[in-house]
C-alpha atoms as a PDB file:
ATOM      1  CA  UNK A   1      30.212 -10.046 -13.527  1.00  0.00           C
ATOM      2  CA  UNK A   2      28.772  -7.600 -11.087  1.00  0.00           C
ATOM      3  CA  UNK A   3      28.104  -3.917 -11.330  1.00  0.00           C
ATOM      4  CA  UNK A   4      31.281  -1.958 -10.707  1.00  0.00           C
ATOM      5  CA  UNK A   5      31.571   1.472  -9.139  1.00  0.00           C
ATOM      6  CA  UNK A   6      32.264   3.017 -12.559  1.00  0.00           C
ATOM      7  CA  UNK A   7      29.003   1.712 -13.986  1.00  0.00           C
ATOM      8  CA  UNK A   8      27.074   3.109 -11.010  1.00  0.00           C
ATOM      9  CA  UNK A   9      28.785   6.500 -11.426  1.00  0.00           C
ATOM     10  CA  UNK A  10      27.995   6.624 -15.149  1.00  0.00           C
ATOM     11  CA  UNK A  11      24.338   5.800 -14.465  1.00  0.00           C
ATOM     12  CA  UNK A  12      24.194   8.471 -11.752  1.00  0.00           C
ATOM     13  CA  UNK A  13      25.687  11.099 -14.088  1.00  0.00           C
ATOM     14  CA  UNK A  14      23.222  10.209 -16.857  1.00  0.00           C
ATOM     15  CA  UNK A  15      20.276  10.432 -14.442  1.00  0.00           C
ATOM     16  CA  UNK A  16      21.425  13.837 -13.164  1.00  0.00           C
ATOM     17  CA  UNK A  17      21.883  15.107 -16.715  1.00  0.00           C
ATOM     18  CA  UNK A  18      18.450  13.884 -17.810  1.00  0.00           C
ATOM     19  CA  UNK A  19      16.413  15.007 -14.824  1.00  0.00           C
ATOM     20  CA  UNK A  20      18.513  17.735 -13.246  1.00  0.00           C
ATOM     21  CA  UNK A  21      19.256  18.204  -9.580  1.00  0.00           C
ATOM     22  CA  UNK A  22      16.019  20.101  -8.921  1.00  0.00           C
ATOM     23  CA  UNK A  23      13.699  17.381 -10.117  1.00  0.00           C
ATOM     24  CA  UNK A  24      15.616  14.667  -8.275  1.00  0.00           C
ATOM     25  CA  UNK A  25      15.516  16.579  -4.979  1.00  0.00           C
ATOM     26  CA  UNK A  26      11.780  17.263  -5.457  1.00  0.00           C
ATOM     27  CA  UNK A  27      11.213  13.581  -6.120  1.00  0.00           C
ATOM     28  CA  UNK A  28      13.135  12.590  -2.997  1.00  0.00           C
ATOM     29  CA  UNK A  29      11.102  15.106  -0.978  1.00  0.00           C
ATOM     30  CA  UNK A  30       7.887  13.568  -2.284  1.00  0.00           C
ATOM     31  CA  UNK A  31       9.144  10.098  -1.413  1.00  0.00           C
ATOM     32  CA  UNK A  32       9.977  11.263   2.123  1.00  0.00           C
ATOM     33  CA  UNK A  33       6.486  12.758   2.522  1.00  0.00           C
ATOM     34  CA  UNK A  34       4.957   9.495   1.349  1.00  0.00           C
ATOM     35  CA  UNK A  35       6.990   7.480   3.839  1.00  0.00           C
ATOM     36  CA  UNK A  36       6.040   9.816   6.697  1.00  0.00           C
ATOM     37  CA  UNK A  37       2.382   9.619   5.697  1.00  0.00           C
ATOM     38  CA  UNK A  38       2.555   5.824   5.558  1.00  0.00           C
ATOM     39  CA  UNK A  39       4.162   5.617   9.003  1.00  0.00           C
ATOM     40  CA  UNK A  40       1.566   8.005  10.428  1.00  0.00           C
ATOM     41  CA  UNK A  41      -1.232   5.906   8.971  1.00  0.00           C
ATOM     42  CA  UNK A  42       0.242   2.719  10.407  1.00  0.00           C
ATOM     43  CA  UNK A  43       0.603   4.343  13.834  1.00  0.00           C
ATOM     44  CA  UNK A  44      -3.035   5.511  13.743  1.00  0.00           C
ATOM     45  CA  UNK A  45      -4.156   2.035  12.742  1.00  0.00           C
ATOM     46  CA  UNK A  46      -2.228   0.473  15.633  1.00  0.00           C
ATOM     47  CA  UNK A  47      -3.727   2.910  18.121  1.00  0.00           C
ATOM     48  CA  UNK A  48      -7.267   1.869  17.167  1.00  0.00           C
ATOM     49  CA  UNK A  49      -8.781  -1.327  18.480  1.00  0.00           C
ATOM     50  CA  UNK A  50      -6.660  -3.984  16.823  1.00  0.00           C
ATOM     51  CA  UNK A  51      -9.104  -6.790  17.540  1.00  0.00           C
ATOM     52  CA  UNK A  52     -11.978  -6.437  15.144  1.00  0.00           C
ATOM     53  CA  UNK A  53     -14.589  -9.148  15.390  1.00  0.00           C
ATOM     54  CA  UNK A  54     -17.492 -10.204  13.252  1.00  0.00           C
ATOM     55  CA  UNK A  55     -20.648 -11.159  15.124  1.00  0.00           C
ATOM     56  CA  UNK A  56     -22.068 -14.336  13.645  1.00  0.00           C
ATOM     57  CA  UNK A  57     -24.426 -16.937  15.049  1.00  0.00           C
ATOM     58  CA  UNK A  58     -23.789 -20.531  14.033  1.00  0.00           C
ATOM     59  CA  UNK A  59     -27.476 -21.183  13.371  1.00  0.00           C
ATOM     60  CA  UNK A  60     -27.903 -18.212  10.990  1.00  0.00           C
ATOM     61  CA  UNK A  61     -28.081 -18.886   7.261  1.00  0.00           C
ATOM     62  CA  UNK A  62     -25.948 -16.994   4.790  1.00  0.00           C
ATOM     63  CA  UNK A  63     -27.787 -14.241   2.831  1.00  0.00           C
ATOM     64  CA  UNK A  64     -27.299 -16.078  -0.471  1.00  0.00           C
ATOM     65  CA  UNK A  65     -28.930 -19.242   0.928  1.00  0.00           C
ATOM     66  CA  UNK A  66     -31.963 -17.219   2.054  1.00  0.00           C
ATOM     67  CA  UNK A  67     -32.302 -15.670  -1.392  1.00  0.00           C
ATOM     68  CA  UNK A  68     -32.154 -19.100  -3.053  1.00  0.00           C
ATOM     69  CA  UNK A  69     -34.840 -20.453  -0.703  1.00  0.00           C
ATOM     70  CA  UNK A  70     -37.135 -17.534  -1.546  1.00  0.00           C
ATOM     71  CA  UNK A  71     -36.701 -18.070  -5.320  1.00  0.00           C
ATOM     72  CA  UNK A  72     -37.469 -21.791  -4.986  1.00  0.00           C
ATOM     73  CA  UNK A  73     -40.635 -21.041  -2.980  1.00  0.00           C
ATOM     74  CA  UNK A  74     -41.987 -18.710  -5.686  1.00  0.00           C
END
């Protein structure tokens, strides 16, 4: 049992009656603005340096290990 076309039409009519055409079109406009903003943000992120590195020396201790050593020495 799938959703038939009549069930979809009834749901659409109920939604239009509850919210009205104005609110639905405003909501769709807001959704479109959000999508455009998201795409713009993704494009700006891609244009920046995509390879971000973390400088770390293998012989350096982690900050938490240094703090533990200092508390043991006290």
